[in-house]
Amino acid sequence: MFSLFILFLFNVSFAQVEITLNDSNDFPTNKKITFTQFEISLPLQGNKNRGEVFPDGNTNDSWFLPDGVNSNFGYGIHFNQWLGISANTGIGMKLSEKLVVAPVFSNLRIMPKVGEETRIGIDVGLGHAFAIGRGDLSGTFKRVKLNLEASELQLFLEIVSYGIRLNDNSQGSISIGFALVSF
């Protein structure tokens, strides 16, 4: 299964896809159907020291603290920018667990228009995550990403499960971030 996914990844990565539709006014001609996406996000963890008073008298009021950084790159095909599928890879860090993960996954994009150039939608990803520097530790990667997209900039909230158990806990993260999408 994994080797089929890698084969798909390489076929999509090196293919140049264009379609030509009929000369009717209903459809554009020579429309490019590929897209790329680059994401950066900040995983968050709950602040267990919230409410603590510092020596200078200030109070720790932060609900969440940063817990690393994630970055992903994807290449795929789309239909009118609102429905697409892509092959993705990247790197994610969870500093509180000293964990670095490299996911390889496919992603389904559903982004209908809600304004002139504004879209809102969801991405659902499934694949495999490999822990770097942890021997053969790996697991099933799953993610759900809620998106707000304007032009080619996307803001999102992402929930990820790495499918890895470490220190008797399932590893995952909740992240906020932005993405650049190029059609």
N, C-alpha and C. Protein backbone atom coordinates (compact mmCIF):
# COMPACT_ATOMS: atom_id res chain seq x y z
N MET A 1 0.82 -1.19 0.00
CA MET A 1 0.00 0.00 0.00
C MET A 1 0.87 1.26 0.00
N PHE A 2 1.88 1.26 0.89
CA PHE A 2 2.76 2.42 0.98
C PHE A 2 3.52 2.64 -0.33
N SER A 3 3.98 1.55 -0.96
CA SER A 3 4.73 1.69 -2.21
C SER A 3 3.83 2.23 -3.33
N LEU A 4 2.54 1.89 -3.32
CA LEU A 4 1.61 2.45 -4.30
C LEU A 4 1.44 3.95 -4.10
N PHE A 5 1.40 4.37 -2.84
CA PHE A 5 1.28 5.80 -2.55
C PHE A 5 2.52 6.55 -3.04
N ILE A 6 3.70 6.00 -2.78
CA ILE A 6 4.94 6.64 -3.24
C ILE A 6 4.97 6.71 -4.76
N LEU A 7 4.53 5.63 -5.44
CA LEU A 7 4.46 5.64 -6.90
C LEU A 7 3.51 6.73 -7.37
N PHE A 8 2.35 6.88 -6.72
CA PHE A 8 1.41 7.94 -7.06
C PHE A 8 2.04 9.31 -6.85
N LEU A 9 2.76 9.48 -5.74
CA LEU A 9 3.42 10.74 -5.44
C LEU A 9 4.39 11.14 -6.55
N PHE A 10 5.22 10.19 -7.01
CA PHE A 10 6.18 10.51 -8.06
C PHE A 10 5.50 10.76 -9.40
N ASN A 11 4.44 10.03 -9.69
CA ASN A 11 3.72 10.26 -10.95
C ASN A 11 3.07 11.64 -10.96
N VAL A 12 2.48 12.05 -9.86
CA VAL A 12 1.85 13.36 -9.79
C VAL A 12 2.91 14.46 -9.80
N SER A 13 4.03 14.23 -9.12
CA SER A 13 5.07 15.25 -9.02
C SER A 13 5.72 15.58 -10.35
N PHE A 14 5.85 14.60 -11.22
CA PHE A 14 6.57 14.83 -12.47
C PHE A 14 5.65 14.95 -13.68
N ALA A 15 4.35 14.99 -13.46
CA ALA A 15 3.42 15.11 -14.58
C ALA A 15 3.02 16.56 -14.77
N GLN A 16 2.87 16.97 -15.99
CA GLN A 16 2.37 18.29 -16.33
C GLN A 16 0.99 18.06 -16.92
N VAL A 17 -0.05 18.50 -16.22
CA VAL A 17 -1.40 18.16 -16.63
C VAL A 17 -2.11 19.42 -17.09
N GLU A 18 -2.63 19.38 -18.30
CA GLU A 18 -3.50 20.43 -18.81
C GLU A 18 -4.62 19.74 -19.55
N ILE A 19 -5.79 20.38 -19.56
CA ILE A 19 -6.89 19.82 -20.33
C ILE A 19 -7.37 20.87 -21.31
N THR A 20 -7.89 20.42 -22.41
CA THR A 20 -8.48 21.30 -23.39
C THR A 20 -9.92 20.86 -23.56
N LEU A 21 -10.83 21.77 -23.34
CA LEU A 21 -12.24 21.46 -23.45
C LEU A 21 -12.76 21.98 -24.78
N ASN A 22 -14.02 21.70 -25.08
CA ASN A 22 -14.59 22.11 -26.37
C ASN A 22 -14.62 23.63 -26.49
N ASP A 23 -14.96 24.13 -27.65
CA ASP A 23 -14.95 25.57 -27.92
C ASP A 23 -16.21 26.29 -27.47
N SER A 24 -17.06 25.61 -26.73
CA SER A 24 -18.28 26.22 -26.22
C SER A 24 -17.93 27.35 -25.25
N ASN A 25 -18.78 28.34 -25.14
CA ASN A 25 -18.54 29.45 -24.20
C ASN A 25 -18.76 29.04 -22.76
N ASP A 26 -19.31 27.84 -22.53
CA ASP A 26 -19.57 27.38 -21.17
C ASP A 26 -18.30 26.97 -20.44
N PHE A 27 -17.27 26.57 -21.15
CA PHE A 27 -16.06 26.05 -20.52
C PHE A 27 -14.84 26.78 -21.04
N PRO A 28 -13.89 27.10 -20.17
CA PRO A 28 -12.63 27.70 -20.63
C PRO A 28 -11.78 26.64 -21.32
N THR A 29 -10.85 27.08 -22.16
CA THR A 29 -9.96 26.15 -22.84
C THR A 29 -8.57 26.25 -22.23
N ASN A 30 -7.80 25.19 -22.39
CA ASN A 30 -6.42 25.12 -21.87
C ASN A 30 -6.36 25.51 -20.39
N LYS A 31 -7.25 24.99 -19.62
CA LYS A 31 -7.30 25.31 -18.19
C LYS A 31 -6.34 24.41 -17.42
N LYS A 32 -5.43 25.02 -16.66
CA LYS A 32 -4.49 24.27 -15.83
C LYS A 32 -5.23 23.71 -14.63
N ILE A 33 -5.08 22.42 -14.37
CA ILE A 33 -5.83 21.80 -13.27
C ILE A 33 -4.92 21.38 -12.11
N THR A 34 -3.67 21.78 -12.11
CA THR A 34 -2.77 21.42 -11.01
C THR A 34 -2.64 22.58 -10.03
N PHE A 35 -2.25 22.26 -8.81
CA PHE A 35 -2.00 23.29 -7.82
C PHE A 35 -0.89 22.83 -6.88
N THR A 36 -0.24 23.80 -6.24
CA THR A 36 0.74 23.51 -5.20
C THR A 36 0.31 24.25 -3.94
N GLN A 37 0.75 23.73 -2.81
CA GLN A 37 0.38 24.32 -1.53
C GLN A 37 1.55 24.20 -0.57
N PHE A 38 1.89 25.31 0.10
CA PHE A 38 2.93 25.33 1.11
C PHE A 38 2.32 25.85 2.40
N GLU A 39 2.49 25.10 3.51
CA GLU A 39 1.87 25.45 4.78
C GLU A 39 2.92 25.59 5.88
N ILE A 40 2.67 26.53 6.77
CA ILE A 40 3.44 26.65 8.01
C ILE A 40 2.43 26.82 9.13
N SER A 41 2.61 26.04 10.20
CA SER A 41 1.68 26.15 11.33
C SER A 41 2.43 26.06 12.65
N LEU A 42 1.76 26.50 13.68
CA LEU A 42 2.31 26.55 15.03
C LEU A 42 1.45 25.67 15.93
N PRO A 43 1.98 24.49 16.35
CA PRO A 43 1.23 23.65 17.28
C PRO A 43 1.12 24.33 18.64
N LEU A 44 -0.01 24.15 19.29
CA LEU A 44 -0.24 24.77 20.59
C LEU A 44 -0.46 23.71 21.66
N GLN A 45 -0.09 24.03 22.89
CA GLN A 45 -0.39 23.16 24.04
C GLN A 45 -1.00 24.03 25.12
N GLY A 46 -1.79 23.42 25.98
CA GLY A 46 -2.39 24.15 27.08
C GLY A 46 -1.33 24.61 28.06
N ASN A 47 -1.51 25.79 28.63
CA ASN A 47 -0.56 26.35 29.59
C ASN A 47 -0.90 25.82 30.98
N LYS A 48 -0.13 24.85 31.46
CA LYS A 48 -0.41 24.27 32.77
C LYS A 48 -0.06 25.22 33.92
N ASN A 49 0.66 26.31 33.63
CA ASN A 49 1.03 27.29 34.66
C ASN A 49 0.15 28.54 34.61
N ARG A 50 -1.00 28.46 33.92
CA ARG A 50 -1.89 29.61 33.82
C ARG A 50 -2.35 30.02 35.22
N GLY A 51 -2.34 31.30 35.49
CA GLY A 51 -2.75 31.82 36.78
C GLY A 51 -1.60 31.99 37.77
N GLU A 52 -0.44 31.46 37.41
CA GLU A 52 0.73 31.59 38.28
C GLU A 52 1.17 33.05 38.33
N VAL A 53 1.63 33.48 39.49
CA VAL A 53 2.08 34.86 39.66
C VAL A 53 3.61 34.88 39.56
N PHE A 54 4.13 35.74 38.67
CA PHE A 54 5.57 35.89 38.49
C PHE A 54 6.16 36.70 39.65
N PRO A 55 7.50 36.63 39.86
CA PRO A 55 8.14 37.40 40.93
C PRO A 55 7.91 38.91 40.84
N ASP A 56 7.70 39.44 39.61
CA ASP A 56 7.49 40.88 39.45
C ASP A 56 6.03 41.28 39.70
N GLY A 57 5.16 40.32 40.05
CA GLY A 57 3.78 40.63 40.36
C GLY A 57 2.80 40.39 39.23
N ASN A 58 3.30 40.20 37.99
CA ASN A 58 2.42 39.93 36.85
C ASN A 58 1.88 38.50 36.93
N THR A 59 0.72 38.30 36.32
CA THR A 59 0.08 36.97 36.31
C THR A 59 0.22 36.33 34.94
N ASN A 60 0.48 35.03 34.91
CA ASN A 60 0.56 34.27 33.67
C ASN A 60 -0.87 34.02 33.19
N ASP A 61 -1.33 34.77 32.18
CA ASP A 61 -2.70 34.69 31.70
C ASP A 61 -2.85 33.93 30.39
N SER A 62 -1.78 33.40 29.83
CA SER A 62 -1.83 32.71 28.53
C SER A 62 -2.56 31.38 28.66
N TRP A 63 -3.53 31.16 27.77
CA TRP A 63 -4.25 29.89 27.75
C TRP A 63 -3.42 28.82 27.05
N PHE A 64 -2.72 29.22 25.96
CA PHE A 64 -1.95 28.28 25.15
C PHE A 64 -0.52 28.76 24.98
N LEU A 65 0.39 27.80 24.76
CA LEU A 65 1.79 28.10 24.48
C LEU A 65 2.20 27.40 23.20
N PRO A 66 3.12 27.98 22.42
CA PRO A 66 3.63 27.30 21.23
C PRO A 66 4.38 26.03 21.62
N ASP A 67 4.27 25.01 20.77
CA ASP A 67 4.90 23.72 21.07
C ASP A 67 5.65 23.17 19.86
N GLY A 68 6.25 24.04 19.04
CA GLY A 68 7.01 23.58 17.88
C GLY A 68 6.62 24.35 16.64
N VAL A 69 6.90 23.75 15.50
CA VAL A 69 6.53 24.31 14.20
C VAL A 69 6.33 23.16 13.21
N ASN A 70 5.35 23.31 12.32
CA ASN A 70 5.08 22.31 11.28
C ASN A 70 5.16 22.98 9.92
N SER A 71 5.59 22.22 8.93
CA SER A 71 5.63 22.72 7.57
C SER A 71 5.31 21.57 6.62
N ASN A 72 4.43 21.82 5.65
CA ASN A 72 4.03 20.81 4.67
C ASN A 72 4.04 21.40 3.27
N PHE A 73 4.27 20.53 2.29
CA PHE A 73 4.21 20.91 0.88
C PHE A 73 3.36 19.88 0.16
N GLY A 74 2.47 20.35 -0.73
CA GLY A 74 1.62 19.44 -1.48
C GLY A 74 1.51 19.82 -2.93
N TYR A 75 1.27 18.82 -3.78
CA TYR A 75 1.07 19.01 -5.21
C TYR A 75 -0.12 18.17 -5.62
N GLY A 76 -1.07 18.77 -6.31
CA GLY A 76 -2.25 18.00 -6.67
C GLY A 76 -3.02 18.54 -7.84
N ILE A 77 -4.21 17.97 -8.03
CA ILE A 77 -5.10 18.40 -9.11
C ILE A 77 -6.40 18.90 -8.48
N HIS A 78 -7.08 19.82 -9.18
CA HIS A 78 -8.30 20.41 -8.63
C HIS A 78 -9.35 20.58 -9.71
N PHE A 79 -10.58 20.76 -9.28
CA PHE A 79 -11.70 21.10 -10.15
C PHE A 79 -12.24 22.43 -9.68
N ASN A 80 -12.06 23.48 -10.48
CA ASN A 80 -12.54 24.84 -10.18
C ASN A 80 -12.11 25.34 -8.81
N GLN A 81 -10.97 24.97 -8.35
CA GLN A 81 -10.35 25.40 -7.09
C GLN A 81 -11.12 24.98 -5.84
N TRP A 82 -12.27 24.37 -5.97
CA TRP A 82 -13.03 24.04 -4.77
C TRP A 82 -12.95 22.56 -4.39
N LEU A 83 -12.60 21.69 -5.30
CA LEU A 83 -12.47 20.28 -5.00
C LEU A 83 -11.13 19.82 -5.54
N GLY A 84 -10.30 19.22 -4.69
CA GLY A 84 -8.98 18.79 -5.14
C GLY A 84 -8.44 17.64 -4.32
N ILE A 85 -7.43 17.00 -4.87
CA ILE A 85 -6.72 15.94 -4.16
C ILE A 85 -5.24 16.18 -4.39
N SER A 86 -4.45 15.95 -3.35
CA SER A 86 -3.02 16.23 -3.47
C SER A 86 -2.20 15.20 -2.69
N ALA A 87 -0.94 15.09 -3.09
CA ALA A 87 0.07 14.29 -2.38
C ALA A 87 0.91 15.29 -1.59
N ASN A 88 1.17 14.99 -0.32
CA ASN A 88 1.83 15.94 0.58
C ASN A 88 2.91 15.26 1.40
N THR A 89 3.88 16.05 1.80
CA THR A 89 4.89 15.61 2.75
C THR A 89 5.33 16.83 3.55
N GLY A 90 6.08 16.61 4.59
CA GLY A 90 6.52 17.74 5.40
C GLY A 90 7.29 17.29 6.62
N ILE A 91 7.33 18.18 7.59
CA ILE A 91 8.00 17.88 8.86
C ILE A 91 7.22 18.58 9.96
N GLY A 92 7.10 17.91 11.09
CA GLY A 92 6.40 18.48 12.23
C GLY A 92 7.20 18.26 13.50
N MET A 93 7.13 19.22 14.41
CA MET A 93 7.87 19.12 15.67
C MET A 93 6.92 19.33 16.83
N LYS A 94 7.06 18.48 17.82
CA LYS A 94 6.33 18.63 19.07
C LYS A 94 7.38 18.71 20.16
N LEU A 95 7.75 19.93 20.54
CA LEU A 95 8.88 20.15 21.44
C LEU A 95 8.67 19.60 22.83
N SER A 96 7.44 19.62 23.33
CA SER A 96 7.19 19.12 24.68
C SER A 96 7.51 17.63 24.80
N GLU A 97 7.43 16.88 23.71
CA GLU A 97 7.74 15.45 23.71
C GLU A 97 9.08 15.14 23.03
N LYS A 98 9.79 16.19 22.60
CA LYS A 98 11.05 16.02 21.85
C LYS A 98 10.84 15.07 20.67
N LEU A 99 9.79 15.35 19.90
CA LEU A 99 9.38 14.50 18.78
C LEU A 99 9.43 15.27 17.48
N VAL A 100 10.11 14.69 16.47
CA VAL A 100 10.13 15.24 15.12
C VAL A 100 9.54 14.18 14.21
N VAL A 101 8.54 14.56 13.41
CA VAL A 101 7.78 13.62 12.60
C VAL A 101 7.79 14.08 11.15
N ALA A 102 7.93 13.10 10.23
CA ALA A 102 7.85 13.38 8.79
C ALA A 102 6.63 12.64 8.23
N PRO A 103 5.52 13.35 8.01
CA PRO A 103 4.34 12.70 7.44
C PRO A 103 4.39 12.66 5.91
N VAL A 104 3.83 11.61 5.35
CA VAL A 104 3.60 11.48 3.91
C VAL A 104 2.13 11.11 3.79
N PHE A 105 1.33 11.97 3.12
CA PHE A 105 -0.11 11.75 3.14
C PHE A 105 -0.79 12.30 1.89
N SER A 106 -1.98 11.78 1.64
CA SER A 106 -2.84 12.33 0.59
C SER A 106 -3.86 13.23 1.27
N ASN A 107 -4.35 14.21 0.54
CA ASN A 107 -5.22 15.22 1.12
C ASN A 107 -6.39 15.49 0.19
N LEU A 108 -7.60 15.52 0.73
CA LEU A 108 -8.80 15.88 -0.02
C LEU A 108 -9.19 17.29 0.38
N ARG A 109 -9.36 18.17 -0.61
CA ARG A 109 -9.68 19.58 -0.40
C ARG A 109 -11.11 19.84 -0.85
N ILE A 110 -11.93 20.43 0.03
CA ILE A 110 -13.29 20.84 -0.32
C ILE A 110 -13.43 22.30 0.11
N MET A 111 -13.44 23.23 -0.88
CA MET A 111 -13.38 24.67 -0.60
C MET A 111 -14.38 25.45 -1.46
N PRO A 112 -15.67 25.43 -1.14
CA PRO A 112 -16.63 26.22 -1.93
C PRO A 112 -16.48 27.71 -1.67
N LYS A 113 -16.90 28.50 -2.67
CA LYS A 113 -16.85 29.97 -2.55
C LYS A 113 -17.95 30.46 -1.61
N VAL A 114 -17.61 31.46 -0.82
CA VAL A 114 -18.60 32.13 0.03
C VAL A 114 -18.63 33.63 -0.24
N GLY A 115 -17.77 34.10 -1.13
CA GLY A 115 -17.69 35.50 -1.50
C GLY A 115 -17.02 35.61 -2.86
N GLU A 116 -16.75 36.83 -3.28
CA GLU A 116 -16.14 37.06 -4.60
C GLU A 116 -14.82 36.29 -4.75
N GLU A 117 -13.90 36.44 -3.80
CA GLU A 117 -12.63 35.71 -3.84
C GLU A 117 -12.37 34.98 -2.53
N THR A 118 -13.41 34.73 -1.77
CA THR A 118 -13.26 34.08 -0.47
C THR A 118 -13.85 32.68 -0.50
N ARG A 119 -13.12 31.76 0.09
CA ARG A 119 -13.57 30.37 0.21
C ARG A 119 -13.43 29.92 1.65
N ILE A 120 -14.30 29.02 2.06
CA ILE A 120 -14.21 28.41 3.37
C ILE A 120 -14.41 26.92 3.17
N GLY A 121 -13.64 26.12 3.89
CA GLY A 121 -13.79 24.69 3.67
C GLY A 121 -12.96 23.85 4.60
N ILE A 122 -12.74 22.62 4.16
CA ILE A 122 -12.09 21.61 4.98
C ILE A 122 -11.12 20.81 4.11
N ASP A 123 -10.01 20.43 4.71
CA ASP A 123 -9.07 19.48 4.12
C ASP A 123 -9.04 18.26 5.04
N VAL A 124 -9.03 17.08 4.46
CA VAL A 124 -8.93 15.85 5.23
C VAL A 124 -7.75 15.08 4.68
N GLY A 125 -6.80 14.71 5.54
CA GLY A 125 -5.59 14.02 5.11
C GLY A 125 -5.44 12.67 5.80
N LEU A 126 -4.86 11.72 5.06
CA LEU A 126 -4.60 10.38 5.58
C LEU A 126 -3.31 9.87 4.97
N GLY A 127 -2.45 9.29 5.80
CA GLY A 127 -1.18 8.77 5.31
C GLY A 127 -0.40 8.08 6.40
N HIS A 128 0.91 8.27 6.38
CA HIS A 128 1.79 7.61 7.33
C HIS A 128 2.77 8.64 7.88
N ALA A 129 3.07 8.54 9.18
CA ALA A 129 4.01 9.45 9.84
C ALA A 129 5.20 8.65 10.35
N PHE A 130 6.39 9.17 10.11
CA PHE A 130 7.64 8.53 10.53
C PHE A 130 8.32 9.42 11.56
N ALA A 131 8.60 8.88 12.75
CA ALA A 131 9.33 9.63 13.77
C ALA A 131 10.82 9.62 13.41
N ILE A 132 11.43 10.78 13.37
CA ILE A 132 12.84 10.90 13.00
C ILE A 132 13.68 10.78 14.27
N GLY A 133 14.68 9.90 14.21
CA GLY A 133 15.57 9.71 15.34
C GLY A 133 14.98 8.84 16.43
N ARG A 134 13.92 8.11 16.16
CA ARG A 134 13.27 7.26 17.17
C ARG A 134 13.19 5.80 16.70
N GLY A 135 14.17 5.36 15.91
CA GLY A 135 14.16 3.98 15.43
C GLY A 135 13.07 3.77 14.40
N ASP A 136 12.30 2.70 14.55
CA ASP A 136 11.25 2.39 13.58
C ASP A 136 9.87 2.86 14.05
N LEU A 137 9.82 3.84 14.89
CA LEU A 137 8.56 4.37 15.40
C LEU A 137 7.82 5.09 14.27
N SER A 138 6.60 4.64 13.97
CA SER A 138 5.79 5.26 12.94
C SER A 138 4.32 4.96 13.22
N GLY A 139 3.44 5.61 12.48
CA GLY A 139 2.01 5.39 12.69
C GLY A 139 1.18 5.97 11.57
N THR A 140 -0.12 5.78 11.68
CA THR A 140 -1.07 6.29 10.68
C THR A 140 -1.34 7.76 10.94
N PHE A 141 -1.02 8.59 9.97
CA PHE A 141 -1.19 10.04 10.06
C PHE A 141 -2.62 10.40 9.64
N LYS A 142 -3.30 11.21 10.45
CA LYS A 142 -4.65 11.70 10.13
C LYS A 142 -4.70 13.18 10.45
N ARG A 143 -5.38 13.94 9.60
CA ARG A 143 -5.55 15.36 9.91
C ARG A 143 -6.87 15.88 9.36
N VAL A 144 -7.40 16.89 10.06
CA VAL A 144 -8.56 17.65 9.62
C VAL A 144 -8.15 19.11 9.73
N LYS A 145 -8.38 19.87 8.67
CA LYS A 145 -7.94 21.26 8.63
C LYS A 145 -9.12 22.12 8.18
N LEU A 146 -9.50 23.10 9.00
CA LEU A 146 -10.55 24.06 8.66
C LEU A 146 -9.89 25.30 8.08
N ASN A 147 -10.33 25.71 6.88
CA ASN A 147 -9.64 26.75 6.11
C ASN A 147 -10.52 27.97 5.84
N LEU A 148 -9.88 29.12 5.79
CA LEU A 148 -10.45 30.36 5.27
C LEU A 148 -9.45 30.85 4.23
N GLU A 149 -9.90 30.95 2.97
CA GLU A 149 -8.98 31.26 1.87
C GLU A 149 -9.46 32.51 1.14
N ALA A 150 -8.54 33.43 0.92
CA ALA A 150 -8.80 34.63 0.13
C ALA A 150 -7.68 34.74 -0.89
N SER A 151 -8.06 34.76 -2.16
CA SER A 151 -7.08 34.77 -3.25
C SER A 151 -6.21 33.53 -3.11
N GLU A 152 -4.92 33.65 -2.87
CA GLU A 152 -4.05 32.49 -2.74
C GLU A 152 -3.48 32.33 -1.33
N LEU A 153 -4.02 33.07 -0.36
CA LEU A 153 -3.59 32.97 1.03
C LEU A 153 -4.66 32.26 1.84
N GLN A 154 -4.23 31.36 2.69
CA GLN A 154 -5.15 30.55 3.47
C GLN A 154 -4.78 30.62 4.95
N LEU A 155 -5.75 30.86 5.81
CA LEU A 155 -5.57 30.77 7.26
C LEU A 155 -6.32 29.53 7.72
N PHE A 156 -5.73 28.79 8.69
CA PHE A 156 -6.38 27.54 9.05
C PHE A 156 -6.16 27.15 10.51
N LEU A 157 -7.03 26.26 10.96
CA LEU A 157 -6.94 25.57 12.24
C LEU A 157 -6.86 24.08 11.89
N GLU A 158 -5.88 23.40 12.46
CA GLU A 158 -5.59 22.02 12.07
C GLU A 158 -5.53 21.11 13.30
N ILE A 159 -6.14 19.93 13.19
CA ILE A 159 -6.06 18.90 14.22
C ILE A 159 -5.38 17.70 13.59
N VAL A 160 -4.28 17.23 14.21
CA VAL A 160 -3.45 16.16 13.65
C VAL A 160 -3.29 15.04 14.67
N SER A 161 -3.35 13.80 14.17
CA SER A 161 -2.97 12.63 14.95
C SER A 161 -1.84 11.95 14.20
N TYR A 162 -0.70 11.74 14.86
CA TYR A 162 0.44 11.09 14.22
C TYR A 162 0.33 9.57 14.25
N GLY A 163 -0.57 9.03 15.05
CA GLY A 163 -0.71 7.59 15.15
C GLY A 163 0.46 6.93 15.87
N ILE A 164 1.15 7.70 16.69
CA ILE A 164 2.33 7.23 17.41
C ILE A 164 2.05 7.32 18.90
N ARG A 165 2.39 6.28 19.64
CA ARG A 165 2.30 6.32 21.11
C ARG A 165 3.70 6.54 21.66
N LEU A 166 3.82 7.57 22.48
CA LEU A 166 5.10 7.92 23.08
C LEU A 166 4.84 8.35 24.51
N ASN A 167 5.61 7.83 25.45
CA ASN A 167 5.42 8.13 26.88
C ASN A 167 3.98 7.83 27.33
N ASP A 168 3.45 6.72 26.85
CA ASP A 168 2.09 6.26 27.17
C ASP A 168 1.00 7.23 26.75
N ASN A 169 1.26 8.06 25.74
CA ASN A 169 0.26 9.00 25.21
C ASN A 169 0.23 8.92 23.70
N SER A 170 -0.96 9.04 23.11
CA SER A 170 -1.09 9.18 21.66
C SER A 170 -0.61 10.58 21.29
N GLN A 171 0.19 10.68 20.24
CA GLN A 171 0.77 11.95 19.86
C GLN A 171 -0.02 12.62 18.74
N GLY A 172 -0.24 13.90 18.88
CA GLY A 172 -0.95 14.71 17.91
C GLY A 172 -0.81 16.16 18.30
N SER A 173 -1.50 17.03 17.57
CA SER A 173 -1.43 18.45 17.91
C SER A 173 -2.63 19.20 17.35
N ILE A 174 -2.86 20.36 17.93
CA ILE A 174 -3.81 21.35 17.41
C ILE A 174 -2.96 22.54 17.03
N SER A 175 -3.11 22.99 15.78
CA SER A 175 -2.23 24.05 15.24
C SER A 175 -3.04 25.15 14.58
N ILE A 176 -2.45 26.34 14.55
CA ILE A 176 -2.95 27.43 13.73
C ILE A 176 -1.85 27.77 12.74
N GLY A 177 -2.24 28.21 11.54
CA GLY A 177 -1.21 28.52 10.56
C GLY A 177 -1.75 29.21 9.34
N PHE A 178 -0.87 29.34 8.36
CA PHE A 178 -1.25 29.92 7.07
C PHE A 178 -0.63 29.09 5.95
N ALA A 179 -1.21 29.20 4.78
CA ALA A 179 -0.74 28.46 3.61
C ALA A 179 -0.80 29.36 2.39
N LEU A 180 0.11 29.10 1.47
CA LEU A 180 0.08 29.74 0.16
C LEU A 180 -0.31 28.69 -0.86
N VAL A 181 -1.37 28.95 -1.61
CA VAL A 181 -1.89 28.00 -2.59
C VAL A 181 -1.75 28.64 -3.96
N SER A 182 -1.16 27.91 -4.89
CA SER A 182 -0.94 28.44 -6.24
C SER A 182 -1.64 27.56 -7.26
N PHE A 183 -2.58 28.16 -8.00
CA PHE A 183 -3.34 27.43 -9.04
C PHE A 183 -2.79 27.74 -10.41
